[in-house]
Amino acid sequence: MPEERVADPGPLGLAGFAMTTFALSSWNAGIWHGAGLEAALALAFFYGGLAQLLAGMWEFVRKNTFAHWRLRLTVRSGLRSTR
């Protein structure tokens, strides 16, 4: 088996998804007030979206196609729902 040059990016993608879900759910539950929505959306776009996109590309480099498509489709469906 060839040497892996990229560490497992799965935890990065899952952490981006989990933190985004937690932030948006906290805002929906009314825990955050004031600028909570803006903070949740910024977190969703920059941490959640970017982390999942990069993790999906790194999964492709590792030849893990299931995780690659799972992470990439999650980002794609998130972008589609913002239109």
PDB file of N, CA and C in Angstrom:
ATOM      1  N   MET A   1       0.845  -1.177   0.000  1.00  0.00           N
ATOM      2  CA  MET A   1       0.000   0.000   0.000  1.00  0.00           C
ATOM      3  C   MET A   1       0.892   1.242   0.000  1.00  0.00           C
ATOM      4  N   PRO A   2       0.598   2.213  -0.889  1.00  0.00           N
ATOM      5  CA  PRO A   2       1.446   3.411  -0.938  1.00  0.00           C
ATOM      6  C   PRO A   2       1.293   4.260   0.320  1.00  0.00           C
ATOM      7  N   GLU A   3       2.323   5.032   0.562  1.00  0.00           N
ATOM      8  CA  GLU A   3       2.327   5.909   1.737  1.00  0.00           C
ATOM      9  C   GLU A   3       1.283   7.022   1.587  1.00  0.00           C
ATOM     10  N   GLU A   4       0.525   7.251   2.659  1.00  0.00           N
ATOM     11  CA  GLU A   4      -0.485   8.304   2.651  1.00  0.00           C
ATOM     12  C   GLU A   4       0.201   9.649   2.895  1.00  0.00           C
ATOM     13  N   ARG A   5      -0.010  10.617   2.006  1.00  0.00           N
ATOM     14  CA  ARG A   5       0.586  11.934   2.170  1.00  0.00           C
ATOM     15  C   ARG A   5      -0.401  12.936   2.760  1.00  0.00           C
ATOM     16  N   VAL A   6      -1.657  12.565   2.823  1.00  0.00           N
ATOM     17  CA  VAL A   6      -2.691  13.448   3.355  1.00  0.00           C
ATOM     18  C   VAL A   6      -3.319  12.756   4.552  1.00  0.00           C
ATOM     19  N   ALA A   7      -3.410  13.463   5.658  1.00  0.00           N
ATOM     20  CA  ALA A   7      -4.050  12.901   6.844  1.00  0.00           C
ATOM     21  C   ALA A   7      -5.542  12.721   6.583  1.00  0.00           C
ATOM     22  N   ASP A   8      -6.212  11.983   7.432  1.00  0.00           N
ATOM     23  CA  ASP A   8      -7.636  11.719   7.265  1.00  0.00           C
ATOM     24  C   ASP A   8      -8.427  13.020   7.414  1.00  0.00           C
ATOM     25  N   PRO A   9      -9.040  13.510   6.339  1.00  0.00           N
ATOM     26  CA  PRO A   9      -9.772  14.777   6.418  1.00  0.00           C
ATOM     27  C   PRO A   9     -11.211  14.628   6.885  1.00  0.00           C
ATOM     28  N   GLY A  10     -11.655  13.412   7.140  1.00  0.00           N
ATOM     29  CA  GLY A  10     -13.026  13.184   7.570  1.00  0.00           C
ATOM     30  C   GLY A  10     -13.419  13.959   8.817  1.00  0.00           C
ATOM     31  N   PRO A  11     -12.588  13.954   9.870  1.00  0.00           N
ATOM     32  CA  PRO A  11     -12.953  14.728  11.059  1.00  0.00           C
ATOM     33  C   PRO A  11     -13.090  16.225  10.794  1.00  0.00           C
ATOM     34  N   LEU A  12     -12.308  16.777   9.895  1.00  0.00           N
ATOM     35  CA  LEU A  12     -12.435  18.194   9.555  1.00  0.00           C
ATOM     36  C   LEU A  12     -13.790  18.476   8.917  1.00  0.00           C
ATOM     37  N   GLY A  13     -14.189  17.655   7.967  1.00  0.00           N
ATOM     38  CA  GLY A  13     -15.478  17.845   7.318  1.00  0.00           C
ATOM     39  C   GLY A  13     -16.644  17.659   8.266  1.00  0.00           C
ATOM     40  N   LEU A  14     -16.556  16.634   9.106  1.00  0.00           N
ATOM     41  CA  LEU A  14     -17.631  16.400  10.072  1.00  0.00           C
ATOM     42  C   LEU A  14     -17.705  17.503  11.119  1.00  0.00           C
ATOM     43  N   ALA A  15     -16.552  18.027  11.530  1.00  0.00           N
ATOM     44  CA  ALA A  15     -16.550  19.125  12.497  1.00  0.00           C
ATOM     45  C   ALA A  15     -17.169  20.382  11.889  1.00  0.00           C
ATOM     46  N   GLY A  16     -16.882  20.648  10.617  1.00  0.00           N
ATOM     47  CA  GLY A  16     -17.495  21.791   9.945  1.00  0.00           C
ATOM     48  C   GLY A  16     -19.004  21.651   9.859  1.00  0.00           C
ATOM     49  N   PHE A  17     -19.475  20.443   9.550  1.00  0.00           N
ATOM     50  CA  PHE A  17     -20.911  20.201   9.476  1.00  0.00           C
ATOM     51  C   PHE A  17     -21.556  20.314  10.857  1.00  0.00           C
ATOM     52  N   ALA A  18     -20.914  19.728  11.870  1.00  0.00           N
ATOM     53  CA  ALA A  18     -21.489  19.728  13.219  1.00  0.00           C
ATOM     54  C   ALA A  18     -21.537  21.137  13.808  1.00  0.00           C
ATOM     55  N   MET A  19     -20.479  21.916  13.649  1.00  0.00           N
ATOM     56  CA  MET A  19     -20.462  23.258  14.218  1.00  0.00           C
ATOM     57  C   MET A  19     -21.479  24.160  13.522  1.00  0.00           C
ATOM     58  N   THR A  20     -21.618  24.018  12.215  1.00  0.00           N
ATOM     59  CA  THR A  20     -22.602  24.796  11.489  1.00  0.00           C
ATOM     60  C   THR A  20     -24.018  24.430  11.926  1.00  0.00           C
ATOM     61  N   THR A  21     -24.277  23.140  12.055  1.00  0.00           N
ATOM     62  CA  THR A  21     -25.590  22.686  12.495  1.00  0.00           C
ATOM     63  C   THR A  21     -25.893  23.180  13.907  1.00  0.00           C
ATOM     64  N   PHE A  22     -24.904  23.110  14.792  1.00  0.00           N
ATOM     65  CA  PHE A  22     -25.094  23.573  16.160  1.00  0.00           C
ATOM     66  C   PHE A  22     -25.384  25.072  16.212  1.00  0.00           C
ATOM     67  N   ALA A  23     -24.643  25.844  15.440  1.00  0.00           N
ATOM     68  CA  ALA A  23     -24.825  27.296  15.456  1.00  0.00           C
ATOM     69  C   ALA A  23     -26.198  27.691  14.918  1.00  0.00           C
ATOM     70  N   LEU A  24     -26.593  27.107  13.798  1.00  0.00           N
ATOM     71  CA  LEU A  24     -27.898  27.454  13.233  1.00  0.00           C
ATOM     72  C   LEU A  24     -29.041  26.951  14.111  1.00  0.00           C
ATOM     73  N   SER A  25     -28.879  25.801  14.732  1.00  0.00           N
ATOM     74  CA  SER A  25     -29.909  25.289  15.637  1.00  0.00           C
ATOM     75  C   SER A  25     -30.012  26.143  16.891  1.00  0.00           C
ATOM     76  N   SER A  26     -28.883  26.649  17.373  1.00  0.00           N
ATOM     77  CA  SER A  26     -28.907  27.542  18.535  1.00  0.00           C
ATOM     78  C   SER A  26     -29.653  28.829  18.215  1.00  0.00           C
ATOM     79  N   TRP A  27     -29.441  29.360  17.024  1.00  0.00           N
ATOM     80  CA  TRP A  27     -30.166  30.564  16.635  1.00  0.00           C
ATOM     81  C   TRP A  27     -31.658  30.269  16.486  1.00  0.00           C
ATOM     82  N   ASN A  28     -32.001  29.130  15.872  1.00  0.00           N
ATOM     83  CA  ASN A  28     -33.413  28.766  15.718  1.00  0.00           C
ATOM     84  C   ASN A  28     -34.096  28.557  17.062  1.00  0.00           C
ATOM     85  N   ALA A  29     -33.369  28.069  18.054  1.00  0.00           N
ATOM     86  CA  ALA A  29     -33.938  27.836  19.382  1.00  0.00           C
ATOM     87  C   ALA A  29     -34.051  29.119  20.196  1.00  0.00           C
ATOM     88  N   GLY A  30     -33.488  30.207  19.713  1.00  0.00           N
ATOM     89  CA  GLY A  30     -33.576  31.480  20.415  1.00  0.00           C
ATOM     90  C   GLY A  30     -32.511  31.664  21.478  1.00  0.00           C
ATOM     91  N   ILE A  31     -31.459  30.864  21.431  1.00  0.00           N
ATOM     92  CA  ILE A  31     -30.383  30.993  22.413  1.00  0.00           C
ATOM     93  C   ILE A  31     -29.532  32.220  22.102  1.00  0.00           C
ATOM     94  N   TRP A  32     -29.282  32.475  20.816  1.00  0.00           N
ATOM     95  CA  TRP A  32     -28.498  33.636  20.404  1.00  0.00           C
ATOM     96  C   TRP A  32     -29.443  34.783  20.098  1.00  0.00           C
ATOM     97  N   HIS A  33     -29.110  35.957  20.569  1.00  0.00           N
ATOM     98  CA  HIS A  33     -29.918  37.145  20.307  1.00  0.00           C
ATOM     99  C   HIS A  33     -29.053  38.190  19.613  1.00  0.00           C
ATOM    100  N   GLY A  34     -29.682  39.150  19.031  1.00  0.00           N
ATOM    101  CA  GLY A  34     -28.935  40.237  18.391  1.00  0.00           C
ATOM    102  C   GLY A  34     -28.292  39.790  17.097  1.00  0.00           C
ATOM    103  N   ALA A  35     -26.973  39.760  17.075  1.00  0.00           N
ATOM    104  CA  ALA A  35     -26.236  39.419  15.862  1.00  0.00           C
ATOM    105  C   ALA A  35     -25.988  37.921  15.740  1.00  0.00           C
ATOM    106  N   GLY A  36     -26.807  37.120  16.374  1.00  0.00           N
ATOM    107  CA  GLY A  36     -26.614  35.671  16.334  1.00  0.00           C
ATOM    108  C   GLY A  36     -26.768  35.079  14.955  1.00  0.00           C
ATOM    109  N   LEU A  37     -27.734  35.576  14.191  1.00  0.00           N
ATOM    110  CA  LEU A  37     -27.936  35.045  12.848  1.00  0.00           C
ATOM    111  C   LEU A  37     -26.730  35.341  11.961  1.00  0.00           C
ATOM    112  N   GLU A  38     -26.208  36.552  12.031  1.00  0.00           N
ATOM    113  CA  GLU A  38     -25.047  36.900  11.216  1.00  0.00           C
ATOM    114  C   GLU A  38     -23.836  36.049  11.589  1.00  0.00           C
ATOM    115  N   ALA A  39     -23.654  35.815  12.877  1.00  0.00           N
ATOM    116  CA  ALA A  39     -22.538  34.978  13.320  1.00  0.00           C
ATOM    117  C   ALA A  39     -22.730  33.540  12.851  1.00  0.00           C
ATOM    118  N   ALA A  40     -23.949  33.024  12.925  1.00  0.00           N
ATOM    119  CA  ALA A  40     -24.211  31.649  12.490  1.00  0.00           C
ATOM    120  C   ALA A  40     -24.000  31.504  10.992  1.00  0.00           C
ATOM    121  N   LEU A  41     -24.443  32.489  10.218  1.00  0.00           N
ATOM    122  CA  LEU A  41     -24.261  32.412   8.766  1.00  0.00           C
ATOM    123  C   LEU A  41     -22.795  32.544   8.369  1.00  0.00           C
ATOM    124  N   ALA A  42     -22.069  33.426   9.046  1.00  0.00           N
ATOM    125  CA  ALA A  42     -20.634  33.543   8.764  1.00  0.00           C
ATOM    126  C   ALA A  42     -19.917  32.237   9.078  1.00  0.00           C
ATOM    127  N   LEU A  43     -20.261  31.629  10.193  1.00  0.00           N
ATOM    128  CA  LEU A  43     -19.677  30.339  10.559  1.00  0.00           C
ATOM    129  C   LEU A  43     -20.044  29.279   9.534  1.00  0.00           C
ATOM    130  N   ALA A  44     -21.291  29.293   9.082  1.00  0.00           N
ATOM    131  CA  ALA A  44     -21.739  28.302   8.103  1.00  0.00           C
ATOM    132  C   ALA A  44     -20.998  28.440   6.785  1.00  0.00           C
ATOM    133  N   PHE A  45     -20.847  29.660   6.311  1.00  0.00           N
ATOM    134  CA  PHE A  45     -20.201  29.857   5.020  1.00  0.00           C
ATOM    135  C   PHE A  45     -18.705  29.578   5.069  1.00  0.00           C
ATOM    136  N   PHE A  46     -18.027  30.136   6.065  1.00  0.00           N
ATOM    137  CA  PHE A  46     -16.579  30.082   6.046  1.00  0.00           C
ATOM    138  C   PHE A  46     -16.002  28.846   6.709  1.00  0.00           C
ATOM    139  N   TYR A  47     -16.555  28.442   7.831  1.00  0.00           N
ATOM    140  CA  TYR A  47     -16.016  27.250   8.483  1.00  0.00           C
ATOM    141  C   TYR A  47     -16.677  25.992   7.942  1.00  0.00           C
ATOM    142  N   GLY A  48     -17.985  25.984   7.935  1.00  0.00           N
ATOM    143  CA  GLY A  48     -18.696  24.793   7.488  1.00  0.00           C
ATOM    144  C   GLY A  48     -18.479  24.496   6.021  1.00  0.00           C
ATOM    145  N   GLY A  49     -18.734  25.475   5.180  1.00  0.00           N
ATOM    146  CA  GLY A  49     -18.628  25.255   3.744  1.00  0.00           C
ATOM    147  C   GLY A  49     -17.215  25.025   3.269  1.00  0.00           C
ATOM    148  N   LEU A  50     -16.310  25.869   3.684  1.00  0.00           N
ATOM    149  CA  LEU A  50     -14.924  25.742   3.240  1.00  0.00           C
ATOM    150  C   LEU A  50     -14.266  24.480   3.780  1.00  0.00           C
ATOM    151  N   ALA A  51     -14.506  24.164   5.043  1.00  0.00           N
ATOM    152  CA  ALA A  51     -13.916  22.962   5.635  1.00  0.00           C
ATOM    153  C   ALA A  51     -14.436  21.709   4.944  1.00  0.00           C
ATOM    154  N   GLN A  52     -15.723  21.663   4.636  1.00  0.00           N
ATOM    155  CA  GLN A  52     -16.270  20.488   3.971  1.00  0.00           C
ATOM    156  C   GLN A  52     -15.780  20.383   2.528  1.00  0.00           C
ATOM    157  N   LEU A  53     -15.654  21.504   1.859  1.00  0.00           N
ATOM    158  CA  LEU A  53     -15.154  21.486   0.488  1.00  0.00           C
ATOM    159  C   LEU A  53     -13.713  20.983   0.440  1.00  0.00           C
ATOM    160  N   LEU A  54     -12.877  21.512   1.314  1.00  0.00           N
ATOM    161  CA  LEU A  54     -11.481  21.069   1.349  1.00  0.00           C
ATOM    162  C   LEU A  54     -11.369  19.605   1.771  1.00  0.00           C
ATOM    163  N   ALA A  55     -12.153  19.206   2.752  1.00  0.00           N
ATOM    164  CA  ALA A  55     -12.117  17.813   3.193  1.00  0.00           C
ATOM    165  C   ALA A  55     -12.568  16.879   2.067  1.00  0.00           C
ATOM    166  N   GLY A  56     -13.570  17.297   1.299  1.00  0.00           N
ATOM    167  CA  GLY A  56     -14.014  16.483   0.167  1.00  0.00           C
ATOM    168  C   GLY A  56     -12.926  16.328  -0.886  1.00  0.00           C
ATOM    169  N   MET A  57     -12.188  17.397  -1.160  1.00  0.00           N
ATOM    170  CA  MET A  57     -11.098  17.295  -2.135  1.00  0.00           C
ATOM    171  C   MET A  57      -9.973  16.406  -1.610  1.00  0.00           C
ATOM    172  N   TRP A  58      -9.665  16.528  -0.309  1.00  0.00           N
ATOM    173  CA  TRP A  58      -8.608  15.693   0.261  1.00  0.00           C
ATOM    174  C   TRP A  58      -9.018  14.227   0.329  1.00  0.00           C
ATOM    175  N   GLU A  59     -10.316  13.958   0.514  1.00  0.00           N
ATOM    176  CA  GLU A  59     -10.779  12.565   0.473  1.00  0.00           C
ATOM    177  C   GLU A  59     -10.585  11.985  -0.922  1.00  0.00           C
ATOM    178  N   PHE A  60     -10.772  12.806  -1.951  1.00  0.00           N
ATOM    179  CA  PHE A  60     -10.553  12.341  -3.316  1.00  0.00           C
ATOM    180  C   PHE A  60      -9.084  11.983  -3.530  1.00  0.00           C
ATOM    181  N   VAL A  61      -8.179  12.789  -2.970  1.00  0.00           N
ATOM    182  CA  VAL A  61      -6.745  12.503  -3.078  1.00  0.00           C
ATOM    183  C   VAL A  61      -6.424  11.168  -2.398  1.00  0.00           C
ATOM    184  N   ARG A  62      -7.104  10.882  -1.303  1.00  0.00           N
ATOM    185  CA  ARG A  62      -6.903   9.622  -0.579  1.00  0.00           C
ATOM    186  C   ARG A  62      -7.623   8.446  -1.226  1.00  0.00           C
ATOM    187  N   LYS A  63      -8.342   8.706  -2.328  1.00  0.00           N
ATOM    188  CA  LYS A  63      -9.099   7.703  -3.071  1.00  0.00           C
ATOM    189  C   LYS A  63     -10.240   7.109  -2.252  1.00  0.00           C
ATOM    190  N   ASN A  64     -10.833   7.940  -1.393  1.00  0.00           N
ATOM    191  CA  ASN A  64     -12.005   7.560  -0.615  1.00  0.00           C
ATOM    192  C   ASN A  64     -13.202   8.248  -1.267  1.00  0.00           C
ATOM    193  N   THR A  65     -13.750   7.603  -2.305  1.00  0.00           N
ATOM    194  CA  THR A  65     -14.760   8.274  -3.114  1.00  0.00           C
ATOM    195  C   THR A  65     -16.080   8.458  -2.384  1.00  0.00           C
ATOM    196  N   PHE A  66     -16.443   7.543  -1.478  1.00  0.00           N
ATOM    197  CA  PHE A  66     -17.706   7.712  -0.754  1.00  0.00           C
ATOM    198  C   PHE A  66     -17.680   8.984   0.091  1.00  0.00           C
ATOM    199  N   ALA A  67     -16.637   9.166   0.872  1.00  0.00           N
ATOM    200  CA  ALA A  67     -16.531  10.363   1.704  1.00  0.00           C
ATOM    201  C   ALA A  67     -16.391  11.615   0.833  1.00  0.00           C
ATOM    202  N   HIS A  68     -15.688  11.485  -0.286  1.00  0.00           N
ATOM    203  CA  HIS A  68     -15.536  12.621  -1.199  1.00  0.00           C
ATOM    204  C   HIS A  68     -16.897  13.116  -1.662  1.00  0.00           C
ATOM    205  N   TRP A  69     -17.732  12.228  -2.152  1.00  0.00           N
ATOM    206  CA  TRP A  69     -19.038  12.650  -2.655  1.00  0.00           C
ATOM    207  C   TRP A  69     -19.979  13.065  -1.539  1.00  0.00           C
ATOM    208  N   ARG A  70     -19.881  12.439  -0.384  1.00  0.00           N
ATOM    209  CA  ARG A  70     -20.725  12.820   0.747  1.00  0.00           C
ATOM    210  C   ARG A  70     -20.432  14.256   1.157  1.00  0.00           C
ATOM    211  N   LEU A  71     -19.160  14.599   1.304  1.00  0.00           N
ATOM    212  CA  LEU A  71     -18.797  15.949   1.727  1.00  0.00           C
ATOM    213  C   LEU A  71     -19.074  16.970   0.632  1.00  0.00           C
ATOM    214  N   ARG A  72     -18.794  16.634  -0.602  1.00  0.00           N
ATOM    215  CA  ARG A  72     -19.016  17.590  -1.688  1.00  0.00           C
ATOM    216  C   ARG A  72     -20.497  17.841  -1.917  1.00  0.00           C
ATOM    217  N   LEU A  73     -21.328  16.794  -1.820  1.00  0.00           N
ATOM    218  CA  LEU A  73     -22.762  16.984  -2.019  1.00  0.00           C
ATOM    219  C   LEU A  73     -23.392  17.751  -0.872  1.00  0.00           C
ATOM    220  N   THR A  74     -22.841  17.610   0.332  1.00  0.00           N
ATOM    221  CA  THR A  74     -23.348  18.389   1.461  1.00  0.00           C
ATOM    222  C   THR A  74     -23.112  19.872   1.207  1.00  0.00           C
ATOM    223  N   VAL A  75     -21.938  20.225   0.730  1.00  0.00           N
ATOM    224  CA  VAL A  75     -21.637  21.628   0.420  1.00  0.00           C
ATOM    225  C   VAL A  75     -22.523  22.101  -0.722  1.00  0.00           C
ATOM    226  N   ARG A  76     -22.675  21.268  -1.727  1.00  0.00           N
ATOM    227  CA  ARG A  76     -23.477  21.657  -2.881  1.00  0.00           C
ATOM    228  C   ARG A  76     -24.944  21.870  -2.516  1.00  0.00           C
ATOM    229  N   SER A  77     -25.490  20.989  -1.692  1.00  0.00           N
ATOM    230  CA  SER A  77     -26.897  21.163  -1.293  1.00  0.00           C
ATOM    231  C   SER A  77     -27.050  22.399  -0.397  1.00  0.00           C
ATOM    232  N   GLY A  78     -26.051  22.714   0.396  1.00  0.00           N
ATOM    233  CA  GLY A  78     -26.104  23.921   1.203  1.00  0.00           C
ATOM    234  C   GLY A  78     -26.079  25.170   0.351  1.00  0.00           C
ATOM    235  N   LEU A  79     -25.274  25.157  -0.704  1.00  0.00           N
ATOM    236  CA  LEU A  79     -25.243  26.305  -1.608  1.00  0.00           C
ATOM    237  C   LEU A  79     -26.548  26.445  -2.363  1.00  0.00           C
ATOM    238  N   ARG A  80     -27.131  25.315  -2.731  1.00  0.00           N
ATOM    239  CA  ARG A  80     -28.387  25.354  -3.478  1.00  0.00           C
ATOM    240  C   ARG A  80     -29.525  25.900  -2.618  1.00  0.00           C
ATOM    241  N   SER A  81     -29.505  25.619  -1.316  1.00  0.00           N
ATOM    242  CA  SER A  81     -30.604  26.074  -0.463  1.00  0.00           C
ATOM    243  C   SER A  81     -30.516  27.566  -0.140  1.00  0.00           C
ATOM    244  N   THR A  82     -29.384  28.198  -0.427  1.00  0.00           N
ATOM    245  CA  THR A  82     -29.244  29.636  -0.137  1.00  0.00           C
ATOM    246  C   THR A  82     -29.768  30.498  -1.273  1.00  0.00           C
ATOM    247  N   ARG A  83     -30.128  29.909  -2.393  1.00  0.00           N
ATOM    248  CA  ARG A  83     -30.641  30.704  -3.522  1.00  0.00           C
ATOM    249  C   ARG A  83     -32.041  31.146  -3.298  1.00  0.00           C
TER     250      ARG A  83
END
